[in-house]
Amino acid sequence: MPFYGRYTLAPIQAGPFTIPANVDVFVCPNVLHRLHAFWERPDEFDPERFSPERSNGRHPYCFVPFSAGGMRMAYPLGAEGVAYG
């Protein structure tokens, strides 16, 4: 998936930026999955990077292969949790 969109229901603090409520936000997993801030040698195949030892302390959403849960997550959260675009 080249990118996916979300609609913010409340303001979100993202580092030094504040994303306001009621706006569309687009995420590009291809870029996120290659950020050197999260991954050592991000362009190399290394399945061990997901081992518990190497994943300890890593932000849980720095790897989102199915847009952080895919459709199975949309239903338990309901409309109050997140709006899927």
PDB file of N, CA and C in Angstrom:
ATOM      1  N   MET A   1       0.843  -1.148   0.000  1.00  0.00           N
ATOM      2  CA  MET A   1       0.000   0.000   0.000  1.00  0.00           C
ATOM      3  C   MET A   1       0.907   1.235   0.000  1.00  0.00           C
ATOM      4  N   PRO A   2       0.836   2.067  -1.035  1.00  0.00           N
ATOM      5  CA  PRO A   2       1.737   3.216  -1.109  1.00  0.00           C
ATOM      6  C   PRO A   2       1.474   4.266  -0.038  1.00  0.00           C
ATOM      7  N   PHE A   3       0.223   4.462   0.337  1.00  0.00           N
ATOM      8  CA  PHE A   3      -0.112   5.368   1.425  1.00  0.00           C
ATOM      9  C   PHE A   3      -1.538   5.075   1.873  1.00  0.00           C
ATOM     10  N   TYR A   4      -1.857   5.548   3.047  1.00  0.00           N
ATOM     11  CA  TYR A   4      -3.227   5.433   3.537  1.00  0.00           C
ATOM     12  C   TYR A   4      -3.568   6.709   4.287  1.00  0.00           C
ATOM     13  N   GLY A   5      -4.841   6.961   4.402  1.00  0.00           N
ATOM     14  CA  GLY A   5      -5.282   8.189   5.038  1.00  0.00           C
ATOM     15  C   GLY A   5      -6.062   7.927   6.308  1.00  0.00           C
ATOM     16  N   ARG A   6      -6.033   8.900   7.169  1.00  0.00           N
ATOM     17  CA  ARG A   6      -6.809   8.902   8.394  1.00  0.00           C
ATOM     18  C   ARG A   6      -7.374  10.299   8.582  1.00  0.00           C
ATOM     19  N   TYR A   7      -8.433  10.392   9.347  1.00  0.00           N
ATOM     20  CA  TYR A   7      -9.060  11.651   9.666  1.00  0.00           C
ATOM     21  C   TYR A   7      -8.932  11.849  11.170  1.00  0.00           C
ATOM     22  N   THR A   8      -8.366  12.968  11.579  1.00  0.00           N
ATOM     23  CA  THR A   8      -8.147  13.186  13.004  1.00  0.00           C
ATOM     24  C   THR A   8      -9.438  13.624  13.685  1.00  0.00           C
ATOM     25  N   LEU A   9      -9.692  13.038  14.823  1.00  0.00           N
ATOM     26  CA  LEU A   9     -10.870  13.385  15.618  1.00  0.00           C
ATOM     27  C   LEU A   9     -10.521  14.345  16.744  1.00  0.00           C
ATOM     28  N   ALA A  10      -9.243  14.434  17.060  1.00  0.00           N
ATOM     29  CA  ALA A  10      -8.759  15.317  18.120  1.00  0.00           C
ATOM     30  C   ALA A  10      -7.362  15.778  17.721  1.00  0.00           C
ATOM     31  N   PRO A  11      -6.851  16.842  18.303  1.00  0.00           N
ATOM     32  CA  PRO A  11      -5.473  17.262  18.007  1.00  0.00           C
ATOM     33  C   PRO A  11      -4.479  16.166  18.393  1.00  0.00           C
ATOM     34  N   ILE A  12      -3.411  16.054  17.622  1.00  0.00           N
ATOM     35  CA  ILE A  12      -2.375  15.041  17.845  1.00  0.00           C
ATOM     36  C   ILE A  12      -1.028  15.745  17.890  1.00  0.00           C
ATOM     37  N   GLN A  13      -0.236  15.457  18.902  1.00  0.00           N
ATOM     38  CA  GLN A  13       1.109  16.000  18.989  1.00  0.00           C
ATOM     39  C   GLN A  13       2.056  15.022  18.308  1.00  0.00           C
ATOM     40  N   ALA A  14       2.747  15.460  17.277  1.00  0.00           N
ATOM     41  CA  ALA A  14       3.703  14.629  16.540  1.00  0.00           C
ATOM     42  C   ALA A  14       5.057  15.328  16.585  1.00  0.00           C
ATOM     43  N   GLY A  15       5.840  14.979  17.593  1.00  0.00           N
ATOM     44  CA  GLY A  15       7.123  15.666  17.773  1.00  0.00           C
ATOM     45  C   GLY A  15       6.865  17.139  18.040  1.00  0.00           C
ATOM     46  N   PRO A  16       7.505  18.024  17.280  1.00  0.00           N
ATOM     47  CA  PRO A  16       7.304  19.459  17.513  1.00  0.00           C
ATOM     48  C   PRO A  16       6.045  20.011  16.838  1.00  0.00           C
ATOM     49  N   PHE A  17       5.311  19.172  16.142  1.00  0.00           N
ATOM     50  CA  PHE A  17       4.145  19.620  15.377  1.00  0.00           C
ATOM     51  C   PHE A  17       2.837  19.211  16.054  1.00  0.00           C
ATOM     52  N   THR A  18       1.851  20.062  15.936  1.00  0.00           N
ATOM     53  CA  THR A  18       0.511  19.735  16.392  1.00  0.00           C
ATOM     54  C   THR A  18      -0.378  19.613  15.162  1.00  0.00           C
ATOM     55  N   ILE A  19      -0.959  18.429  14.988  1.00  0.00           N
ATOM     56  CA  ILE A  19      -1.889  18.202  13.888  1.00  0.00           C
ATOM     57  C   ILE A  19      -3.280  18.488  14.444  1.00  0.00           C
ATOM     58  N   PRO A  20      -3.987  19.430  13.838  1.00  0.00           N
ATOM     59  CA  PRO A  20      -5.288  19.808  14.407  1.00  0.00           C
ATOM     60  C   PRO A  20      -6.344  18.721  14.205  1.00  0.00           C
ATOM     61  N   ALA A  21      -7.432  18.851  14.930  1.00  0.00           N
ATOM     62  CA  ALA A  21      -8.578  17.950  14.757  1.00  0.00           C
ATOM     63  C   ALA A  21      -9.260  18.247  13.427  1.00  0.00           C
ATOM     64  N   ASN A  22      -9.967  17.250  12.920  1.00  0.00           N
ATOM     65  CA  ASN A  22     -10.809  17.385  11.722  1.00  0.00           C
ATOM     66  C   ASN A  22     -10.032  17.690  10.450  1.00  0.00           C
ATOM     67  N   VAL A  23      -8.879  17.038  10.298  1.00  0.00           N
ATOM     68  CA  VAL A  23      -8.116  17.155   9.051  1.00  0.00           C
ATOM     69  C   VAL A  23      -7.756  15.760   8.547  1.00  0.00           C
ATOM     70  N   ASP A  24      -7.513  15.653   7.248  1.00  0.00           N
ATOM     71  CA  ASP A  24      -7.040  14.410   6.652  1.00  0.00           C
ATOM     72  C   ASP A  24      -5.527  14.327   6.818  1.00  0.00           C
ATOM     73  N   VAL A  25      -5.043  13.155   7.203  1.00  0.00           N
ATOM     74  CA  VAL A  25      -3.615  12.909   7.354  1.00  0.00           C
ATOM     75  C   VAL A  25      -3.277  11.704   6.494  1.00  0.00           C
ATOM     76  N   PHE A  26      -2.186  11.790   5.733  1.00  0.00           N
ATOM     77  CA  PHE A  26      -1.759  10.680   4.902  1.00  0.00           C
ATOM     78  C   PHE A  26      -0.412  10.168   5.379  1.00  0.00           C
ATOM     79  N   VAL A  27      -0.290   8.858   5.470  1.00  0.00           N
ATOM     80  CA  VAL A  27       0.931   8.201   5.940  1.00  0.00           C
ATOM     81  C   VAL A  27       1.478   7.358   4.794  1.00  0.00           C
ATOM     82  N   CYS A  28       2.786   7.451   4.591  1.00  0.00           N
ATOM     83  CA  CYS A  28       3.453   6.643   3.578  1.00  0.00           C
ATOM     84  C   CYS A  28       4.326   5.604   4.286  1.00  0.00           C
ATOM     85  N   PRO A  29       3.821   4.356   4.429  1.00  0.00           N
ATOM     86  CA  PRO A  29       4.593   3.340   5.149  1.00  0.00           C
ATOM     87  C   PRO A  29       5.963   3.081   4.532  1.00  0.00           C
ATOM     88  N   ASN A  30       6.089   3.216   3.216  1.00  0.00           N
ATOM     89  CA  ASN A  30       7.371   2.975   2.569  1.00  0.00           C
ATOM     90  C   ASN A  30       8.450   3.904   3.123  1.00  0.00           C
ATOM     91  N   VAL A  31       8.090   5.132   3.418  1.00  0.00           N
ATOM     92  CA  VAL A  31       9.042   6.080   4.015  1.00  0.00           C
ATOM     93  C   VAL A  31       9.224   5.767   5.500  1.00  0.00           C
ATOM     94  N   LEU A  32       8.138   5.560   6.210  1.00  0.00           N
ATOM     95  CA  LEU A  32       8.197   5.267   7.641  1.00  0.00           C
ATOM     96  C   LEU A  32       9.059   4.047   7.933  1.00  0.00           C
ATOM     97  N   HIS A  33       8.941   3.022   7.112  1.00  0.00           N
ATOM     98  CA  HIS A  33       9.673   1.772   7.342  1.00  0.00           C
ATOM     99  C   HIS A  33      11.150   1.875   6.997  1.00  0.00           C
ATOM    100  N   ARG A  34      11.585   3.022   6.501  1.00  0.00           N
ATOM    101  CA  ARG A  34      12.990   3.212   6.153  1.00  0.00           C
ATOM    102  C   ARG A  34      13.652   4.373   6.882  1.00  0.00           C
ATOM    103  N   LEU A  35      13.027   4.827   7.955  1.00  0.00           N
ATOM    104  CA  LEU A  35      13.604   5.929   8.721  1.00  0.00           C
ATOM    105  C   LEU A  35      14.752   5.432   9.587  1.00  0.00           C
ATOM    106  N   HIS A  36      15.898   6.050   9.415  1.00  0.00           N
ATOM    107  CA  HIS A  36      17.076   5.654  10.196  1.00  0.00           C
ATOM    108  C   HIS A  36      16.889   5.929  11.686  1.00  0.00           C
ATOM    109  N   ALA A  37      15.958   6.799  12.036  1.00  0.00           N
ATOM    110  CA  ALA A  37      15.696   7.063  13.452  1.00  0.00           C
ATOM    111  C   ALA A  37      15.160   5.824  14.165  1.00  0.00           C
ATOM    112  N   PHE A  38      14.510   4.924  13.424  1.00  0.00           N
ATOM    113  CA  PHE A  38      13.936   3.712  14.011  1.00  0.00           C
ATOM    114  C   PHE A  38      14.686   2.451  13.636  1.00  0.00           C
ATOM    115  N   TRP A  39      15.324   2.445  12.475  1.00  0.00           N
ATOM    116  CA  TRP A  39      15.867   1.208  11.923  1.00  0.00           C
ATOM    117  C   TRP A  39      17.349   1.329  11.604  1.00  0.00           C
ATOM    118  N   GLU A  40      18.105   0.367  12.063  1.00  0.00           N
ATOM    119  CA  GLU A  40      19.503   0.253  11.673  1.00  0.00           C
ATOM    120  C   GLU A  40      19.541  -0.475  10.328  1.00  0.00           C
ATOM    121  N   ARG A  41      20.188   0.076   9.351  1.00  0.00           N
ATOM    122  CA  ARG A  41      20.259  -0.489   7.989  1.00  0.00           C
ATOM    123  C   ARG A  41      18.850  -0.819   7.465  1.00  0.00           C
ATOM    124  N   PRO A  42      17.987   0.173   7.312  1.00  0.00           N
ATOM    125  CA  PRO A  42      16.582  -0.070   6.970  1.00  0.00           C
ATOM    126  C   PRO A  42      16.341  -0.714   5.612  1.00  0.00           C
ATOM    127  N   ASP A  43      17.280  -0.598   4.683  1.00  0.00           N
ATOM    128  CA  ASP A  43      17.063  -1.176   3.353  1.00  0.00           C
ATOM    129  C   ASP A  43      17.557  -2.609   3.221  1.00  0.00           C
ATOM    130  N   GLU A  44      18.087  -3.174   4.296  1.00  0.00           N
ATOM    131  CA  GLU A  44      18.564  -4.556   4.267  1.00  0.00           C
ATOM    132  C   GLU A  44      17.514  -5.500   4.848  1.00  0.00           C
ATOM    133  N   PHE A  45      17.433  -6.700   4.291  1.00  0.00           N
ATOM    134  CA  PHE A  45      16.542  -7.731   4.827  1.00  0.00           C
ATOM    135  C   PHE A  45      17.147  -8.255   6.125  1.00  0.00           C
ATOM    136  N   ASP A  46      16.440  -8.081   7.221  1.00  0.00           N
ATOM    137  CA  ASP A  46      16.941  -8.502   8.529  1.00  0.00           C
ATOM    138  C   ASP A  46      15.752  -8.883   9.415  1.00  0.00           C
ATOM    139  N   PRO A  47      15.248 -10.117   9.294  1.00  0.00           N
ATOM    140  CA  PRO A  47      14.095 -10.509  10.099  1.00  0.00           C
ATOM    141  C   PRO A  47      14.349 -10.458  11.601  1.00  0.00           C
ATOM    142  N   GLU A  48      15.599 -10.511  12.021  1.00  0.00           N
ATOM    143  CA  GLU A  48      15.914 -10.456  13.453  1.00  0.00           C
ATOM    144  C   GLU A  48      15.633  -9.078  14.063  1.00  0.00           C
ATOM    145  N   ARG A  49      15.440  -8.064  13.219  1.00  0.00           N
ATOM    146  CA  ARG A  49      15.142  -6.734  13.770  1.00  0.00           C
ATOM    147  C   ARG A  49      13.826  -6.728  14.533  1.00  0.00           C
ATOM    148  N   PHE A  50      12.987  -7.752  14.310  1.00  0.00           N
ATOM    149  CA  PHE A  50      11.705  -7.840  14.995  1.00  0.00           C
ATOM    150  C   PHE A  50      11.755  -8.762  16.215  1.00  0.00           C
ATOM    151  N   SER A  51      12.939  -9.238  16.565  1.00  0.00           N
ATOM    152  CA  SER A  51      13.071 -10.079  17.759  1.00  0.00           C
ATOM    153  C   SER A  51      12.734  -9.241  18.983  1.00  0.00           C
ATOM    154  N   PRO A  52      12.279  -9.881  20.062  1.00  0.00           N
ATOM    155  CA  PRO A  52      11.946  -9.116  21.275  1.00  0.00           C
ATOM    156  C   PRO A  52      13.115  -8.277  21.794  1.00  0.00           C
ATOM    157  N   GLU A  53      14.319  -8.811  21.710  1.00  0.00           N
ATOM    158  CA  GLU A  53      15.481  -8.093  22.217  1.00  0.00           C
ATOM    159  C   GLU A  53      15.726  -6.805  21.433  1.00  0.00           C
ATOM    160  N   ARG A  54      15.618  -6.883  20.113  1.00  0.00           N
ATOM    161  CA  ARG A  54      15.897  -5.708  19.289  1.00  0.00           C
ATOM    162  C   ARG A  54      14.690  -4.788  19.140  1.00  0.00           C
ATOM    163  N   SER A  55      13.517  -5.264  19.490  1.00  0.00           N
ATOM    164  CA  SER A  55      12.316  -4.437  19.402  1.00  0.00           C
ATOM    165  C   SER A  55      12.041  -3.677  20.684  1.00  0.00           C
ATOM    166  N   ASN A  56      12.707  -4.053  21.751  1.00  0.00           N
ATOM    167  CA  ASN A  56      12.476  -3.427  23.050  1.00  0.00           C
ATOM    168  C   ASN A  56      12.732  -1.916  22.963  1.00  0.00           C
ATOM    169  N   GLY A  57      11.739  -1.135  23.346  1.00  0.00           N
ATOM    170  CA  GLY A  57      11.879   0.313  23.337  1.00  0.00           C
ATOM    171  C   GLY A  57      11.516   0.985  22.028  1.00  0.00           C
ATOM    172  N   ARG A  58      11.298   0.212  20.986  1.00  0.00           N
ATOM    173  CA  ARG A  58      10.927   0.789  19.691  1.00  0.00           C
ATOM    174  C   ARG A  58       9.458   1.183  19.714  1.00  0.00           C
ATOM    175  N   HIS A  59       9.142   2.314  19.134  1.00  0.00           N
ATOM    176  CA  HIS A  59       7.752   2.782  19.093  1.00  0.00           C
ATOM    177  C   HIS A  59       6.885   1.728  18.395  1.00  0.00           C
ATOM    178  N   PRO A  60       5.724   1.388  18.963  1.00  0.00           N
ATOM    179  CA  PRO A  60       4.900   0.311  18.384  1.00  0.00           C
ATOM    180  C   PRO A  60       4.344   0.612  17.000  1.00  0.00           C
ATOM    181  N   TYR A  61       4.329   1.875  16.596  1.00  0.00           N
ATOM    182  CA  TYR A  61       3.791   2.199  15.274  1.00  0.00           C
ATOM    183  C   TYR A  61       4.851   2.636  14.279  1.00  0.00           C
ATOM    184  N   CYS A  62       6.111   2.294  14.513  1.00  0.00           N
ATOM    185  CA  CYS A  62       7.119   2.634  13.509  1.00  0.00           C
ATOM    186  C   CYS A  62       7.146   1.591  12.392  1.00  0.00           C
ATOM    187  N   PHE A  63       6.435   0.474  12.577  1.00  0.00           N
ATOM    188  CA  PHE A  63       6.260  -0.526  11.518  1.00  0.00           C
ATOM    189  C   PHE A  63       4.775  -0.838  11.444  1.00  0.00           C
ATOM    190  N   VAL A  64       4.153  -0.462  10.335  1.00  0.00           N
ATOM    191  CA  VAL A  64       2.703  -0.636  10.183  1.00  0.00           C
ATOM    192  C   VAL A  64       2.406  -1.307   8.841  1.00  0.00           C
ATOM    193  N   PRO A  65       2.702  -2.600   8.711  1.00  0.00           N
ATOM    194  CA  PRO A  65       2.532  -3.267   7.422  1.00  0.00           C
ATOM    195  C   PRO A  65       1.083  -3.341   6.960  1.00  0.00           C
ATOM    196  N   PHE A  66       0.128  -3.294   7.875  1.00  0.00           N
ATOM    197  CA  PHE A  66      -1.290  -3.355   7.510  1.00  0.00           C
ATOM    198  C   PHE A  66      -2.011  -2.128   8.047  1.00  0.00           C
ATOM    199  N   SER A  67      -1.369  -0.996   7.931  1.00  0.00           N
ATOM    200  CA  SER A  67      -1.878   0.300   8.400  1.00  0.00           C
ATOM    201  C   SER A  67      -2.328   0.237   9.856  1.00  0.00           C
ATOM    202  N   ALA A  68      -1.476  -0.324  10.687  1.00  0.00           N
ATOM    203  CA  ALA A  68      -1.683  -0.394  12.136  1.00  0.00           C
ATOM    204  C   ALA A  68      -2.910  -1.205  12.506  1.00  0.00           C
ATOM    205  N   GLY A  69      -3.125  -2.293  11.831  1.00  0.00           N
ATOM    206  CA  GLY A  69      -4.192  -3.188  12.239  1.00  0.00           C
ATOM    207  C   GLY A  69      -5.153  -3.584  11.131  1.00  0.00           C
ATOM    208  N   GLY A  70      -5.182  -2.834  10.057  1.00  0.00           N
ATOM    209  CA  GLY A  70      -6.088  -3.183   8.966  1.00  0.00           C
ATOM    210  C   GLY A  70      -7.542  -3.120   9.396  1.00  0.00           C
ATOM    211  N   MET A  71      -8.394  -3.762   8.655  1.00  0.00           N
ATOM    212  CA  MET A  71      -9.824  -3.693   8.910  1.00  0.00           C
ATOM    213  C   MET A  71     -10.233  -4.380  10.201  1.00  0.00           C
ATOM    214  N   ARG A  72      -9.501  -5.378  10.642  1.00  0.00           N
ATOM    215  CA  ARG A  72      -9.902  -6.058  11.877  1.00  0.00           C
ATOM    216  C   ARG A  72      -9.832  -5.112  13.069  1.00  0.00           C
ATOM    217  N   MET A  73      -9.040  -4.038  12.973  1.00  0.00           N
ATOM    218  CA  MET A  73      -8.948  -3.075  14.063  1.00  0.00           C
ATOM    219  C   MET A  73     -10.024  -1.999  13.962  1.00  0.00           C
ATOM    220  N   ALA A  74     -10.589  -1.802  12.791  1.00  0.00           N
ATOM    221  CA  ALA A  74     -11.564  -0.722  12.629  1.00  0.00           C
ATOM    222  C   ALA A  74     -12.833  -0.998  13.421  1.00  0.00           C
ATOM    223  N   TYR A  75     -13.244  -2.233  13.492  1.00  0.00           N
ATOM    224  CA  TYR A  75     -14.507  -2.550  14.147  1.00  0.00           C
ATOM    225  C   TYR A  75     -14.439  -2.462  15.673  1.00  0.00           C
ATOM    226  N   PRO A  76     -13.408  -3.000  16.334  1.00  0.00           N
ATOM    227  CA  PRO A  76     -13.378  -2.867  17.794  1.00  0.00           C
ATOM    228  C   PRO A  76     -13.255  -1.406  18.256  1.00  0.00           C
ATOM    229  N   LEU A  77     -12.557  -0.577  17.483  1.00  0.00           N
ATOM    230  CA  LEU A  77     -12.385   0.811  17.887  1.00  0.00           C
ATOM    231  C   LEU A  77     -13.688   1.593  17.721  1.00  0.00           C
ATOM    232  N   GLY A  78     -14.440   1.271  16.707  1.00  0.00           N
ATOM    233  CA  GLY A  78     -15.681   1.975  16.452  1.00  0.00           C
ATOM    234  C   GLY A  78     -15.459   3.392  15.986  1.00  0.00           C
ATOM    235  N   ALA A  79     -16.514   4.092  15.747  1.00  0.00           N
ATOM    236  CA  ALA A  79     -16.424   5.443  15.224  1.00  0.00           C
ATOM    237  C   ALA A  79     -15.789   6.393  16.219  1.00  0.00           C
ATOM    238  N   GLU A  80     -15.848   6.078  17.510  1.00  0.00           N
ATOM    239  CA  GLU A  80     -15.268   6.975  18.510  1.00  0.00           C
ATOM    240  C   GLU A  80     -13.748   6.927  18.513  1.00  0.00           C
ATOM    241  N   GLY A  81     -13.161   5.812  18.051  1.00  0.00           N
ATOM    242  CA  GLY A  81     -11.708   5.652  18.147  1.00  0.00           C
ATOM    243  C   GLY A  81     -10.938   6.318  17.041  1.00  0.00           C
ATOM    244  N   VAL A  82     -11.277   6.020  15.824  1.00  0.00           N
ATOM    245  CA  VAL A  82     -10.528   6.556  14.680  1.00  0.00           C
ATOM    246  C   VAL A  82     -11.411   6.479  13.455  1.00  0.00           C
ATOM    247  N   ALA A  83     -11.278   7.428  12.591  1.00  0.00           N
ATOM    248  CA  ALA A  83     -12.031   7.422  11.336  1.00  0.00           C
ATOM    249  C   ALA A  83     -11.106   6.984  10.225  1.00  0.00           C
ATOM    250  N   TYR A  84     -11.426   5.901   9.559  1.00  0.00           N
ATOM    251  CA  TYR A  84     -10.594   5.367   8.490  1.00  0.00           C
ATOM    252  C   TYR A  84     -10.974   6.020   7.177  1.00  0.00           C
ATOM    253  N   GLY A  85      -9.937   6.479   6.430  1.00  0.00           N
ATOM    254  CA  GLY A  85     -10.180   7.134   5.150  1.00  0.00           C
ATOM    255  C   GLY A  85     -10.101   6.202   3.989  1.00  0.00           C
TER     256      GLY A  85
END
